[in-house]
Amino acid sequence: MKAKLLPRTNIEDALSKSRKLTQDVSQSSLEDIFRSLHITTFNTFDFDLLTADKIYHIDQIKKVSIDYRLRFLDLKYFKNKLPQEALDKIQSLEKEHDTQLGSFKIMAPSALFRLEKTDDPLLFVPLGNDYYYLVHKWGDDLHPLRKLLMWPFKNIWNLLCVVFVFSWFLTELTPMALFTRTPDDSSYWMLLFFMFKALASVVLYFGFALGKNFNPAIWNNRYNKS
């Protein structure tokens, strides 16, 4: 099936699925959350006016950010301007809760912190104790295969696994007669090892040379490149 026939990825939906796997916030659990927020409260909200489905824990945000290679950074690092509907949402929340909001966070692909693009940014405001309230989502949904395409960059083992599979594919396409007159299993494995070593060296060299890093290292770090 072609990628364009697949539904694009809505990050808010991905966050909701992540929360269901860890902590589904109901109205009763929302009360427990708010009882714990008196320790560290960044913004003052009226509990009765909040929507439980808009509350996410940092662990859920981190998991989705790592899966899809997203950043979760302070709003000041966001290169785009907030759309008018986001500003309207902020003003509406401030009026509704009789407060002034601050310390906003943006969850978005790395490119949006460097370029003016519109790929599915989410605007959050901290509640305290590692909980965040989703204020607004806008822009285009992510490519339907983004999670799969970002899988190799979750850690070194995933990357080496992909390099090995690609090495095996190249080995299968390479005529053994180019290297030996008597092809056998030993020759095949030597060629596979050579392919893997060469590709791994190139990938790792350019990865370090370009300052790239794995998803867990960049999701909340403004200094690492994408």
C-alpha atoms as a PDB file:
ATOM      1  CA  MET A   1       0.000   0.000   0.000  1.00  0.00           C
ATOM      2  CA  LYS A   2       1.368   3.398  -0.904  1.00  0.00           C
ATOM      3  CA  ALA A   3       2.184   5.779   1.935  1.00  0.00           C
ATOM      4  CA  LYS A   4      -0.224   8.396   0.597  1.00  0.00           C
ATOM      5  CA  LEU A   5      -3.109   5.944   1.094  1.00  0.00           C
ATOM      6  CA  LEU A   6      -2.271   5.551   4.788  1.00  0.00           C
ATOM      7  CA  PRO A   7      -3.768   7.956   7.318  1.00  0.00           C
ATOM      8  CA  ARG A   8      -1.314  10.586   8.510  1.00  0.00           C
ATOM      9  CA  THR A   9      -0.219  10.445  12.142  1.00  0.00           C
ATOM     10  CA  ASN A  10      -1.975  12.745  14.580  1.00  0.00           C
ATOM     11  CA  ILE A  11       0.404  13.248  17.514  1.00  0.00           C
ATOM     12  CA  GLU A  12      -2.438  14.081  19.882  1.00  0.00           C
ATOM     13  CA  ASP A  13      -3.942  10.655  19.115  1.00  0.00           C
ATOM     14  CA  ALA A  14      -0.536   9.032  19.691  1.00  0.00           C
ATOM     15  CA  LEU A  15      -0.318  10.778  23.070  1.00  0.00           C
ATOM     16  CA  SER A  16      -3.782   9.570  24.019  1.00  0.00           C
ATOM     17  CA  LYS A  17      -2.846   5.972  23.153  1.00  0.00           C
ATOM     18  CA  SER A  18       0.333   6.270  25.204  1.00  0.00           C
ATOM     19  CA  ARG A  19      -1.682   7.511  28.185  1.00  0.00           C
ATOM     20  CA  LYS A  20      -4.116   4.606  27.958  1.00  0.00           C
ATOM     21  CA  LEU A  21      -1.176   2.215  28.194  1.00  0.00           C
ATOM     22  CA  THR A  22       0.158   3.896  31.335  1.00  0.00           C
ATOM     23  CA  GLN A  23      -2.420   6.074  33.062  1.00  0.00           C
ATOM     24  CA  ASP A  24      -5.868   6.795  31.710  1.00  0.00           C
ATOM     25  CA  VAL A  25      -6.842  10.103  33.333  1.00  0.00           C
ATOM     26  CA  SER A  26     -10.436   9.942  34.551  1.00  0.00           C
ATOM     27  CA  GLN A  27     -12.270  12.656  36.479  1.00  0.00           C
ATOM     28  CA  SER A  28     -11.570  10.856  39.764  1.00  0.00           C
ATOM     29  CA  SER A  29      -7.847  10.423  39.030  1.00  0.00           C
ATOM     30  CA  LEU A  30      -7.790  14.069  37.955  1.00  0.00           C
ATOM     31  CA  GLU A  31      -8.680  14.991  41.531  1.00  0.00           C
ATOM     32  CA  ASP A  32      -5.732  12.950  42.803  1.00  0.00           C
ATOM     33  CA  ILE A  33      -3.437  14.728  40.367  1.00  0.00           C
ATOM     34  CA  PHE A  34      -4.581  18.121  41.505  1.00  0.00           C
ATOM     35  CA  ARG A  35      -4.170  17.236  45.162  1.00  0.00           C
ATOM     36  CA  SER A  36      -0.486  16.589  44.394  1.00  0.00           C
ATOM     37  CA  LEU A  37       0.020  19.843  42.507  1.00  0.00           C
ATOM     38  CA  HIS A  38       0.143  22.025  45.616  1.00  0.00           C
ATOM     39  CA  ILE A  39       3.836  21.084  45.927  1.00  0.00           C
ATOM     40  CA  THR A  40       4.896  22.749  42.667  1.00  0.00           C
ATOM     41  CA  THR A  41       2.314  24.698  40.710  1.00  0.00           C
ATOM     42  CA  PHE A  42       3.424  26.703  37.661  1.00  0.00           C
ATOM     43  CA  ASN A  43       0.008  27.920  36.594  1.00  0.00           C
ATOM     44  CA  THR A  44      -3.193  28.332  38.554  1.00  0.00           C
ATOM     45  CA  PHE A  45      -6.231  26.558  37.146  1.00  0.00           C
ATOM     46  CA  ASP A  46      -9.792  25.950  38.266  1.00  0.00           C
ATOM     47  CA  PHE A  47     -10.002  22.162  38.608  1.00  0.00           C
ATOM     48  CA  ASP A  48     -13.698  21.993  37.637  1.00  0.00           C
ATOM     49  CA  LEU A  49     -13.046  23.717  34.321  1.00  0.00           C
ATOM     50  CA  LEU A  50     -10.216  21.495  33.057  1.00  0.00           C
ATOM     51  CA  THR A  51     -10.657  18.710  30.519  1.00  0.00           C
ATOM     52  CA  ALA A  52      -9.151  15.430  31.741  1.00  0.00           C
ATOM     53  CA  ASP A  53      -8.308  14.297  28.190  1.00  0.00           C
ATOM     54  CA  LYS A  54      -5.965  17.279  27.770  1.00  0.00           C
ATOM     55  CA  ILE A  55      -3.695  16.343  30.699  1.00  0.00           C
ATOM     56  CA  TYR A  56      -0.508  14.379  30.013  1.00  0.00           C
ATOM     57  CA  HIS A  57       2.386  13.249  32.170  1.00  0.00           C
ATOM     58  CA  ILE A  58       5.951  13.944  31.083  1.00  0.00           C
ATOM     59  CA  ASP A  59       6.581  10.186  30.704  1.00  0.00           C
ATOM     60  CA  GLN A  60       3.843   9.953  28.068  1.00  0.00           C
ATOM     61  CA  ILE A  61       5.191  13.003  26.247  1.00  0.00           C
ATOM     62  CA  LYS A  62       8.718  11.572  26.394  1.00  0.00           C
ATOM     63  CA  LYS A  63       7.660   8.180  24.983  1.00  0.00           C
ATOM     64  CA  VAL A  64       5.862   9.683  21.989  1.00  0.00           C
ATOM     65  CA  SER A  65       8.681  12.174  21.396  1.00  0.00           C
ATOM     66  CA  ILE A  66      11.228   9.349  21.281  1.00  0.00           C
ATOM     67  CA  ASP A  67       9.036   7.118  19.082  1.00  0.00           C
ATOM     68  CA  TYR A  68       8.461   9.861  16.503  1.00  0.00           C
ATOM     69  CA  ARG A  69      11.760  11.776  16.966  1.00  0.00           C
ATOM     70  CA  LEU A  70      10.111  14.950  18.236  1.00  0.00           C
ATOM     71  CA  ARG A  71      11.357  17.751  20.489  1.00  0.00           C
ATOM     72  CA  PHE A  72       9.672  19.015  23.647  1.00  0.00           C
ATOM     73  CA  LEU A  73      11.174  22.442  24.296  1.00  0.00           C
ATOM     74  CA  ASP A  74      10.344  25.858  25.690  1.00  0.00           C
ATOM     75  CA  LEU A  75       8.255  28.044  23.410  1.00  0.00           C
ATOM     76  CA  LYS A  76      11.105  30.570  23.026  1.00  0.00           C
ATOM     77  CA  TYR A  77      13.036  28.064  20.880  1.00  0.00           C
ATOM     78  CA  PHE A  78      10.147  27.643  18.446  1.00  0.00           C
ATOM     79  CA  LYS A  79      10.951  29.410  15.145  1.00  0.00           C
ATOM     80  CA  ASN A  80       7.382  29.741  13.915  1.00  0.00           C
ATOM     81  CA  LYS A  81       4.815  32.206  15.149  1.00  0.00           C
ATOM     82  CA  LEU A  82       1.869  30.880  17.091  1.00  0.00           C
ATOM     83  CA  PRO A  83      -1.268  30.903  14.935  1.00  0.00           C
ATOM     84  CA  GLN A  84      -4.115  33.162  15.926  1.00  0.00           C
ATOM     85  CA  GLU A  85      -6.245  30.226  17.048  1.00  0.00           C
ATOM     86  CA  ALA A  86      -3.527  29.256  19.558  1.00  0.00           C
ATOM     87  CA  LEU A  87      -3.394  32.797  20.912  1.00  0.00           C
ATOM     88  CA  ASP A  88      -7.189  32.777  21.158  1.00  0.00           C
ATOM     89  CA  LYS A  89      -7.049  29.497  23.116  1.00  0.00           C
ATOM     90  CA  ILE A  90      -4.534  31.005  25.555  1.00  0.00           C
ATOM     91  CA  GLN A  91      -6.659  34.108  26.078  1.00  0.00           C
ATOM     92  CA  SER A  92      -9.762  31.976  26.521  1.00  0.00           C
ATOM     93  CA  LEU A  93      -8.062  29.794  29.146  1.00  0.00           C
ATOM     94  CA  GLU A  94      -6.704  32.812  31.000  1.00  0.00           C
ATOM     95  CA  LYS A  95     -10.122  34.437  31.067  1.00  0.00           C
ATOM     96  CA  GLU A  96     -11.898  31.210  32.014  1.00  0.00           C
ATOM     97  CA  HIS A  97      -9.505  30.435  34.880  1.00  0.00           C
ATOM     98  CA  ASP A  98      -8.857  34.064  35.850  1.00  0.00           C
ATOM     99  CA  THR A  99      -5.092  33.628  35.622  1.00  0.00           C
ATOM    100  CA  GLN A 100      -2.073  34.471  33.502  1.00  0.00           C
ATOM    101  CA  LEU A 101      -0.351  31.506  31.868  1.00  0.00           C
ATOM    102  CA  GLY A 102       3.363  31.080  31.273  1.00  0.00           C
ATOM    103  CA  SER A 103       6.240  28.606  30.816  1.00  0.00           C
ATOM    104  CA  PHE A 104       4.723  27.245  27.596  1.00  0.00           C
ATOM    105  CA  LYS A 105       6.196  24.183  25.897  1.00  0.00           C
ATOM    106  CA  ILE A 106       6.076  23.058  22.269  1.00  0.00           C
ATOM    107  CA  MET A 107       6.114  19.449  21.092  1.00  0.00           C
ATOM    108  CA  ALA A 108       7.079  19.235  17.412  1.00  0.00           C
ATOM    109  CA  PRO A 109       9.582  17.789  14.908  1.00  0.00           C
ATOM    110  CA  SER A 110      13.105  19.193  15.214  1.00  0.00           C
ATOM    111  CA  ALA A 111      12.820  21.093  11.941  1.00  0.00           C
ATOM    112  CA  LEU A 112      10.126  23.339  13.381  1.00  0.00           C
ATOM    113  CA  PHE A 113      12.619  24.696  15.904  1.00  0.00           C
ATOM    114  CA  ARG A 114      14.880  25.737  13.005  1.00  0.00           C
ATOM    115  CA  LEU A 115      12.579  26.331  10.040  1.00  0.00           C
ATOM    116  CA  GLU A 116       9.150  27.729   9.353  1.00  0.00           C
ATOM    117  CA  LYS A 117       7.105  24.603   8.694  1.00  0.00           C
ATOM    118  CA  THR A 118       3.699  23.371   9.851  1.00  0.00           C
ATOM    119  CA  ASP A 119       4.108  19.733  10.878  1.00  0.00           C
ATOM    120  CA  ASP A 120       1.773  19.032  13.780  1.00  0.00           C
ATOM    121  CA  PRO A 121       3.026  21.268  16.643  1.00  0.00           C
ATOM    122  CA  LEU A 122       1.364  20.924  20.062  1.00  0.00           C
ATOM    123  CA  LEU A 123       1.326  23.730  22.631  1.00  0.00           C
ATOM    124  CA  PHE A 124       1.410  22.776  26.327  1.00  0.00           C
ATOM    125  CA  VAL A 125       1.384  24.651  29.606  1.00  0.00           C
ATOM    126  CA  PRO A 126       2.773  23.061  32.798  1.00  0.00           C
ATOM    127  CA  LEU A 127       0.436  22.195  35.647  1.00  0.00           C
ATOM    128  CA  GLY A 128       3.233  21.116  37.996  1.00  0.00           C
ATOM    129  CA  ASN A 129       4.620  17.788  39.222  1.00  0.00           C
ATOM    130  CA  ASP A 130       5.486  16.754  35.641  1.00  0.00           C
ATOM    131  CA  TYR A 131       1.936  17.155  34.313  1.00  0.00           C
ATOM    132  CA  TYR A 132       1.135  19.293  31.276  1.00  0.00           C
ATOM    133  CA  TYR A 133      -2.088  20.626  29.831  1.00  0.00           C
ATOM    134  CA  LEU A 134      -2.546  20.572  26.051  1.00  0.00           C
ATOM    135  CA  VAL A 135      -3.620  24.061  25.000  1.00  0.00           C
ATOM    136  CA  HIS A 136      -3.767  23.714  21.229  1.00  0.00           C
ATOM    137  CA  LYS A 137      -2.691  21.593  18.242  1.00  0.00           C
ATOM    138  CA  TRP A 138      -2.377  22.899  14.724  1.00  0.00           C
ATOM    139  CA  GLY A 139      -0.619  22.289  11.408  1.00  0.00           C
ATOM    140  CA  ASP A 140      -0.374  19.155   9.283  1.00  0.00           C
ATOM    141  CA  ASP A 141      -0.335  15.641  10.725  1.00  0.00           C
ATOM    142  CA  LEU A 142       2.920  13.692  10.454  1.00  0.00           C
ATOM    143  CA  HIS A 143       3.855  11.274   7.685  1.00  0.00           C
ATOM    144  CA  PRO A 144       2.090   7.931   8.307  1.00  0.00           C
ATOM    145  CA  LEU A 145       5.397   6.054   8.269  1.00  0.00           C
ATOM    146  CA  ARG A 146       7.313   8.481  10.490  1.00  0.00           C
ATOM    147  CA  LYS A 147       7.354   6.173  13.535  1.00  0.00           C
ATOM    148  CA  LEU A 148       8.754   3.330  11.427  1.00  0.00           C
ATOM    149  CA  LEU A 149      11.287   5.598   9.710  1.00  0.00           C
ATOM    150  CA  MET A 150      12.477   6.978  13.058  1.00  0.00           C
ATOM    151  CA  TRP A 151      12.836   3.511  14.655  1.00  0.00           C
ATOM    152  CA  PRO A 152      16.525   3.108  13.667  1.00  0.00           C
ATOM    153  CA  PHE A 153      17.377   6.318  15.534  1.00  0.00           C
ATOM    154  CA  LYS A 154      16.013   5.208  18.913  1.00  0.00           C
ATOM    155  CA  ASN A 155      19.302   3.555  19.868  1.00  0.00           C
ATOM    156  CA  ILE A 156      22.569   2.169  18.469  1.00  0.00           C
ATOM    157  CA  TRP A 157      21.241  -1.412  18.333  1.00  0.00           C
ATOM    158  CA  ASN A 158      18.263  -0.468  16.188  1.00  0.00           C
ATOM    159  CA  LEU A 159      20.558   1.413  13.839  1.00  0.00           C
ATOM    160  CA  LEU A 160      23.020  -1.484  13.552  1.00  0.00           C
ATOM    161  CA  CYS A 161      20.122  -3.879  12.955  1.00  0.00           C
ATOM    162  CA  VAL A 162      18.946  -1.781  10.003  1.00  0.00           C
ATOM    163  CA  VAL A 163      22.510  -1.513   8.689  1.00  0.00           C
ATOM    164  CA  PHE A 164      22.857  -5.303   8.914  1.00  0.00           C
ATOM    165  CA  VAL A 165      19.611  -5.903   7.012  1.00  0.00           C
ATOM    166  CA  PHE A 166      20.699  -3.471   4.305  1.00  0.00           C
ATOM    167  CA  SER A 167      24.123  -5.151   4.186  1.00  0.00           C
ATOM    168  CA  TRP A 168      22.458  -8.535   3.753  1.00  0.00           C
ATOM    169  CA  PHE A 169      20.318  -7.117   0.930  1.00  0.00           C
ATOM    170  CA  LEU A 170      23.401  -5.762  -0.868  1.00  0.00           C
ATOM    171  CA  THR A 171      25.231  -9.041  -0.341  1.00  0.00           C
ATOM    172  CA  GLU A 172      22.347 -10.940  -1.927  1.00  0.00           C
ATOM    173  CA  LEU A 173      22.490  -8.635  -4.962  1.00  0.00           C
ATOM    174  CA  THR A 174      26.258  -8.859  -5.374  1.00  0.00           C
ATOM    175  CA  PRO A 175      27.511 -11.617  -7.742  1.00  0.00           C
ATOM    176  CA  MET A 176      29.963 -13.748  -5.763  1.00  0.00           C
ATOM    177  CA  ALA A 177      31.842 -14.485  -8.987  1.00  0.00           C
ATOM    178  CA  LEU A 178      33.275 -10.973  -8.829  1.00  0.00           C
ATOM    179  CA  PHE A 179      35.312 -11.977  -5.756  1.00  0.00           C
ATOM    180  CA  THR A 180      36.020 -15.677  -6.094  1.00  0.00           C
ATOM    181  CA  ARG A 181      35.951 -18.445  -8.674  1.00  0.00           C
ATOM    182  CA  THR A 182      34.679 -20.957  -6.134  1.00  0.00           C
ATOM    183  CA  PRO A 183      31.812 -19.346  -4.200  1.00  0.00           C
ATOM    184  CA  ASP A 184      30.974 -21.076  -0.917  1.00  0.00           C
ATOM    185  CA  ASP A 185      29.422 -20.278   2.465  1.00  0.00           C
ATOM    186  CA  SER A 186      32.686 -18.910   3.785  1.00  0.00           C
ATOM    187  CA  SER A 187      32.964 -16.434   0.906  1.00  0.00           C
ATOM    188  CA  TYR A 188      29.358 -15.369   1.405  1.00  0.00           C
ATOM    189  CA  TRP A 189      29.832 -14.614   5.110  1.00  0.00           C
ATOM    190  CA  MET A 190      33.076 -12.776   4.460  1.00  0.00           C
ATOM    191  CA  LEU A 191      31.336 -10.562   1.899  1.00  0.00           C
ATOM    192  CA  LEU A 192      28.436  -9.956   4.284  1.00  0.00           C
ATOM    193  CA  PHE A 193      30.843  -8.986   7.055  1.00  0.00           C
ATOM    194  CA  PHE A 194      32.681  -6.640   4.682  1.00  0.00           C
ATOM    195  CA  MET A 195      29.417  -4.995   3.595  1.00  0.00           C
ATOM    196  CA  PHE A 196      28.257  -4.576   7.181  1.00  0.00           C
ATOM    197  CA  LYS A 197      31.574  -3.160   8.353  1.00  0.00           C
ATOM    198  CA  ALA A 198      31.763  -0.707   5.449  1.00  0.00           C
ATOM    199  CA  LEU A 199      28.180   0.537   5.778  1.00  0.00           C
ATOM    200  CA  ALA A 200      28.338   0.757   9.573  1.00  0.00           C
ATOM    201  CA  SER A 201      31.549   2.782   9.357  1.00  0.00           C
ATOM    202  CA  VAL A 202      30.028   5.220   6.871  1.00  0.00           C
ATOM    203  CA  VAL A 203      26.775   5.617   8.822  1.00  0.00           C
ATOM    204  CA  LEU A 204      28.500   6.129  12.171  1.00  0.00           C
ATOM    205  CA  TYR A 205      31.116   8.486  10.714  1.00  0.00           C
ATOM    206  CA  PHE A 206      28.590  10.777   9.058  1.00  0.00           C
ATOM    207  CA  GLY A 207      26.306  10.542  12.078  1.00  0.00           C
ATOM    208  CA  PHE A 208      29.022  11.850  14.383  1.00  0.00           C
ATOM    209  CA  ALA A 209      30.374  14.288  11.797  1.00  0.00           C
ATOM    210  CA  LEU A 210      26.957  15.890  11.362  1.00  0.00           C
ATOM    211  CA  GLY A 211      26.372  16.022  15.119  1.00  0.00           C
ATOM    212  CA  LYS A 212      23.414  13.657  15.034  1.00  0.00           C
ATOM    213  CA  ASN A 213      22.218  11.810  18.114  1.00  0.00           C
ATOM    214  CA  PHE A 214      19.648   9.216  19.098  1.00  0.00           C
ATOM    215  CA  ASN A 215      16.042  10.065  19.947  1.00  0.00           C
ATOM    216  CA  PRO A 216      16.354   9.692  23.754  1.00  0.00           C
ATOM    217  CA  ALA A 217      19.212  12.208  23.760  1.00  0.00           C
ATOM    218  CA  ILE A 218      17.470  14.957  21.786  1.00  0.00           C
ATOM    219  CA  TRP A 219      13.775  14.895  22.749  1.00  0.00           C
ATOM    220  CA  ASN A 220      14.211  17.643  25.385  1.00  0.00           C
ATOM    221  CA  ASN A 221      17.670  18.939  24.474  1.00  0.00           C
ATOM    222  CA  ARG A 222      17.860  22.134  22.436  1.00  0.00           C
ATOM    223  CA  TYR A 223      21.573  21.749  21.681  1.00  0.00           C
ATOM    224  CA  ASN A 224      21.600  18.415  19.865  1.00  0.00           C
ATOM    225  CA  LYS A 225      20.977  18.377  16.139  1.00  0.00           C
ATOM    226  CA  SER A 226      18.159  16.328  14.688  1.00  0.00           C
END
